[in-house]
Amino acid sequence: MDIDKIFQSPVHVKIITFFHENQASIDTPRGVSTWIGEERAKVKPALEDLVNAKILVAHRTTSTTGYSYTCEEKLISKIAKILKKRKLA
């Protein structure tokens, strides 16, 4: 899933915005769905899309998966610009 397509999905945008604003956080699908006010059934596949796009990192254990924001500065900068444009639109 390319970055432009990702930003067409409201759930993906909410997740990206949450992690962009809380870059040190690691959270589970349940936690993320609570924070952004979306159903876990919608959040879980979106989280995996964002892992595949390298926007999030999955920290997998046997019992659960925690997700965190990328540390890649170029990608963070690109996302910041996209989010800023969206707020101005």
N, C-alpha and C. Protein backbone atom coordinates (compact mmCIF):
# COMPACT_ATOMS: atom_id res chain seq x y z
N MET A 1 0.86 -1.19 0.00
CA MET A 1 0.00 0.00 0.00
C MET A 1 0.90 1.24 0.00
N ASP A 2 0.72 2.10 -0.99
CA ASP A 2 1.59 3.28 -1.04
C ASP A 2 1.09 4.38 -0.11
N ILE A 3 1.98 5.31 0.17
CA ILE A 3 1.71 6.33 1.19
C ILE A 3 0.52 7.22 0.81
N ASP A 4 0.34 7.51 -0.48
CA ASP A 4 -0.80 8.33 -0.89
C ASP A 4 -2.12 7.61 -0.65
N LYS A 5 -2.13 6.31 -0.93
CA LYS A 5 -3.34 5.50 -0.71
C LYS A 5 -3.65 5.40 0.78
N ILE A 6 -2.60 5.27 1.58
CA ILE A 6 -2.76 5.18 3.04
C ILE A 6 -3.46 6.44 3.57
N PHE A 7 -3.08 7.60 3.04
CA PHE A 7 -3.66 8.85 3.53
C PHE A 7 -5.08 9.09 3.03
N GLN A 8 -5.63 8.17 2.24
CA GLN A 8 -7.03 8.27 1.82
C GLN A 8 -7.95 7.54 2.79
N SER A 9 -7.38 6.77 3.69
CA SER A 9 -8.16 6.01 4.67
C SER A 9 -8.20 6.75 6.01
N PRO A 10 -9.40 7.11 6.48
CA PRO A 10 -9.52 7.82 7.76
C PRO A 10 -8.91 7.06 8.94
N VAL A 11 -9.06 5.74 8.98
CA VAL A 11 -8.51 4.96 10.08
C VAL A 11 -6.98 5.02 10.06
N HIS A 12 -6.40 4.85 8.88
CA HIS A 12 -4.94 4.93 8.75
C HIS A 12 -4.43 6.31 9.19
N VAL A 13 -5.13 7.35 8.76
CA VAL A 13 -4.71 8.72 9.11
C VAL A 13 -4.78 8.93 10.61
N LYS A 14 -5.84 8.43 11.26
CA LYS A 14 -5.94 8.58 12.72
C LYS A 14 -4.78 7.87 13.42
N ILE A 15 -4.44 6.68 12.94
CA ILE A 15 -3.34 5.92 13.55
C ILE A 15 -2.02 6.66 13.35
N ILE A 16 -1.77 7.11 12.12
CA ILE A 16 -0.52 7.83 11.84
C ILE A 16 -0.44 9.10 12.69
N THR A 17 -1.54 9.82 12.76
CA THR A 17 -1.56 11.06 13.56
C THR A 17 -1.26 10.75 15.03
N PHE A 18 -1.88 9.70 15.56
CA PHE A 18 -1.63 9.31 16.95
C PHE A 18 -0.15 9.04 17.18
N PHE A 19 0.46 8.22 16.32
CA PHE A 19 1.87 7.89 16.53
C PHE A 19 2.79 9.06 16.22
N HIS A 20 2.41 9.91 15.28
CA HIS A 20 3.23 11.08 14.97
C HIS A 20 3.26 12.04 16.16
N GLU A 21 2.12 12.16 16.83
CA GLU A 21 2.03 13.06 17.99
C GLU A 21 2.56 12.43 19.27
N ASN A 22 2.74 11.12 19.27
CA ASN A 22 3.23 10.38 20.44
C ASN A 22 4.34 9.43 20.00
N GLN A 23 5.43 10.00 19.52
CA GLN A 23 6.45 9.20 18.84
C GLN A 23 7.19 8.21 19.73
N ALA A 24 7.13 8.38 21.03
CA ALA A 24 7.82 7.45 21.93
C ALA A 24 6.92 6.30 22.38
N SER A 25 5.66 6.31 21.96
CA SER A 25 4.73 5.30 22.48
C SER A 25 4.82 3.98 21.73
N ILE A 26 4.52 2.92 22.46
CA ILE A 26 4.33 1.59 21.89
C ILE A 26 2.98 1.14 22.43
N ASP A 27 2.11 0.68 21.53
CA ASP A 27 0.78 0.28 22.00
C ASP A 27 0.26 -0.91 21.21
N THR A 28 -0.71 -1.59 21.80
CA THR A 28 -1.34 -2.76 21.19
C THR A 28 -2.51 -2.32 20.32
N PRO A 29 -3.04 -3.22 19.50
CA PRO A 29 -4.23 -2.86 18.72
C PRO A 29 -5.38 -2.38 19.60
N ARG A 30 -5.57 -3.02 20.75
CA ARG A 30 -6.63 -2.59 21.67
C ARG A 30 -6.39 -1.17 22.15
N GLY A 31 -5.16 -0.87 22.56
CA GLY A 31 -4.83 0.47 23.05
C GLY A 31 -4.99 1.52 21.97
N VAL A 32 -4.49 1.22 20.77
CA VAL A 32 -4.60 2.18 19.67
C VAL A 32 -6.06 2.43 19.33
N SER A 33 -6.87 1.37 19.27
CA SER A 33 -8.28 1.55 18.93
C SER A 33 -8.99 2.40 19.98
N THR A 34 -8.61 2.26 21.24
CA THR A 34 -9.18 3.10 22.30
C THR A 34 -8.77 4.56 22.11
N TRP A 35 -7.48 4.79 21.86
CA TRP A 35 -6.98 6.16 21.71
C TRP A 35 -7.63 6.89 20.53
N ILE A 36 -7.83 6.18 19.40
CA ILE A 36 -8.33 6.86 18.21
C ILE A 36 -9.84 6.73 18.04
N GLY A 37 -10.49 5.95 18.91
CA GLY A 37 -11.95 5.83 18.86
C GLY A 37 -12.47 5.04 17.67
N GLU A 38 -11.76 3.98 17.30
CA GLU A 38 -12.18 3.12 16.20
C GLU A 38 -12.25 1.67 16.67
N GLU A 39 -13.03 0.85 15.96
CA GLU A 39 -13.16 -0.56 16.31
C GLU A 39 -11.84 -1.29 16.08
N ARG A 40 -11.53 -2.22 16.98
CA ARG A 40 -10.28 -2.98 16.86
C ARG A 40 -10.24 -3.77 15.55
N ALA A 41 -11.40 -4.22 15.07
CA ALA A 41 -11.45 -4.97 13.81
C ALA A 41 -10.98 -4.14 12.63
N LYS A 42 -11.15 -2.82 12.69
CA LYS A 42 -10.67 -1.93 11.63
C LYS A 42 -9.21 -1.53 11.87
N VAL A 43 -8.84 -1.42 13.13
CA VAL A 43 -7.51 -0.93 13.50
C VAL A 43 -6.43 -1.97 13.22
N LYS A 44 -6.68 -3.23 13.55
CA LYS A 44 -5.65 -4.26 13.41
C LYS A 44 -5.12 -4.38 11.98
N PRO A 45 -5.97 -4.53 10.95
CA PRO A 45 -5.41 -4.61 9.60
C PRO A 45 -4.73 -3.31 9.16
N ALA A 46 -5.23 -2.18 9.62
CA ALA A 46 -4.60 -0.89 9.28
C ALA A 46 -3.21 -0.80 9.89
N LEU A 47 -3.05 -1.30 11.12
CA LEU A 47 -1.73 -1.32 11.75
C LEU A 47 -0.75 -2.14 10.91
N GLU A 48 -1.21 -3.29 10.42
CA GLU A 48 -0.34 -4.14 9.60
C GLU A 48 0.00 -3.47 8.27
N ASP A 49 -0.96 -2.77 7.68
CA ASP A 49 -0.68 -2.00 6.46
C ASP A 49 0.45 -1.00 6.72
N LEU A 50 0.38 -0.34 7.87
CA LEU A 50 1.37 0.68 8.22
C LEU A 50 2.73 0.07 8.53
N VAL A 51 2.74 -1.16 9.04
CA VAL A 51 4.01 -1.88 9.23
C VAL A 51 4.61 -2.19 7.86
N ASN A 52 3.78 -2.67 6.94
CA ASN A 52 4.26 -3.00 5.59
C ASN A 52 4.78 -1.76 4.87
N ALA A 53 4.21 -0.59 5.17
CA ALA A 53 4.64 0.67 4.57
C ALA A 53 5.84 1.27 5.31
N LYS A 54 6.31 0.57 6.36
CA LYS A 54 7.45 1.00 7.17
C LYS A 54 7.18 2.27 7.99
N ILE A 55 5.90 2.63 8.16
CA ILE A 55 5.54 3.78 8.99
C ILE A 55 5.51 3.37 10.46
N LEU A 56 5.12 2.13 10.70
CA LEU A 56 5.13 1.58 12.06
C LEU A 56 6.06 0.38 12.13
N VAL A 57 6.49 0.05 13.34
CA VAL A 57 7.30 -1.13 13.60
C VAL A 57 6.49 -2.04 14.51
N ALA A 58 6.42 -3.33 14.15
CA ALA A 58 5.69 -4.30 14.97
C ALA A 58 6.68 -4.97 15.93
N HIS A 59 6.33 -4.98 17.21
CA HIS A 59 7.12 -5.66 18.24
C HIS A 59 6.30 -6.88 18.66
N ARG A 60 6.60 -8.02 18.04
CA ARG A 60 5.77 -9.22 18.24
C ARG A 60 6.30 -10.08 19.39
N THR A 61 5.36 -10.49 20.26
CA THR A 61 5.66 -11.49 21.29
C THR A 61 4.65 -12.61 21.09
N THR A 62 4.74 -13.66 21.88
CA THR A 62 3.81 -14.77 21.69
C THR A 62 2.37 -14.39 22.04
N SER A 63 2.19 -13.46 22.96
CA SER A 63 0.83 -13.14 23.41
C SER A 63 0.22 -11.91 22.75
N THR A 64 1.04 -10.98 22.27
CA THR A 64 0.48 -9.76 21.68
C THR A 64 1.51 -9.08 20.79
N THR A 65 1.08 -8.06 20.10
CA THR A 65 1.98 -7.25 19.27
C THR A 65 1.83 -5.80 19.68
N GLY A 66 2.96 -5.17 19.93
CA GLY A 66 2.96 -3.74 20.20
C GLY A 66 3.45 -3.02 18.96
N TYR A 67 2.94 -1.85 18.71
CA TYR A 67 3.32 -1.08 17.54
C TYR A 67 3.94 0.24 17.96
N SER A 68 4.99 0.64 17.23
CA SER A 68 5.63 1.93 17.50
C SER A 68 5.89 2.64 16.17
N TYR A 69 6.16 3.91 16.28
CA TYR A 69 6.41 4.77 15.11
C TYR A 69 7.80 4.52 14.55
N THR A 70 7.94 4.71 13.27
CA THR A 70 9.24 4.59 12.63
C THR A 70 10.26 5.57 13.24
N CYS A 71 11.53 5.21 13.13
CA CYS A 71 12.60 6.13 13.56
C CYS A 71 13.25 6.78 12.35
N GLU A 72 12.78 6.45 11.16
CA GLU A 72 13.38 6.96 9.93
C GLU A 72 13.02 8.43 9.73
N GLU A 73 14.02 9.29 9.87
CA GLU A 73 13.80 10.75 9.85
C GLU A 73 13.16 11.25 8.55
N LYS A 74 13.60 10.73 7.39
CA LYS A 74 13.03 11.18 6.11
C LYS A 74 11.55 10.88 6.04
N LEU A 75 11.15 9.69 6.48
CA LEU A 75 9.75 9.30 6.46
C LEU A 75 8.93 10.14 7.45
N ILE A 76 9.47 10.37 8.63
CA ILE A 76 8.79 11.21 9.63
C ILE A 76 8.58 12.61 9.07
N SER A 77 9.58 13.14 8.41
CA SER A 77 9.49 14.47 7.82
C SER A 77 8.42 14.52 6.72
N LYS A 78 8.39 13.49 5.88
CA LYS A 78 7.39 13.41 4.81
C LYS A 78 5.97 13.35 5.40
N ILE A 79 5.81 12.54 6.42
CA ILE A 79 4.50 12.40 7.09
C ILE A 79 4.10 13.73 7.72
N ALA A 80 5.05 14.42 8.36
CA ALA A 80 4.76 15.72 8.98
C ALA A 80 4.22 16.69 7.94
N LYS A 81 4.84 16.71 6.76
CA LYS A 81 4.39 17.61 5.69
C LYS A 81 2.98 17.26 5.22
N ILE A 82 2.72 15.97 5.06
CA ILE A 82 1.39 15.53 4.62
C ILE A 82 0.33 15.89 5.65
N LEU A 83 0.63 15.63 6.93
CA LEU A 83 -0.34 15.95 8.00
C LEU A 83 -0.59 17.45 8.07
N LYS A 84 0.46 18.24 7.91
CA LYS A 84 0.32 19.70 7.97
C LYS A 84 -0.57 20.20 6.82
N LYS A 85 -0.36 19.67 5.61
CA LYS A 85 -1.19 20.03 4.45
C LYS A 85 -2.65 19.68 4.69
N ARG A 86 -2.88 18.49 5.27
CA ARG A 86 -4.26 18.05 5.54
C ARG A 86 -4.96 18.98 6.53
N LYS A 87 -4.23 19.45 7.53
CA LYS A 87 -4.82 20.36 8.52
C LYS A 87 -5.16 21.70 7.90
N LEU A 88 -4.35 22.13 6.95
CA LEU A 88 -4.58 23.43 6.30
C LEU A 88 -5.70 23.37 5.27
N ALA A 89 -5.96 22.17 4.75
CA ALA A 89 -6.97 22.00 3.69
C ALA A 89 -8.39 22.13 4.22
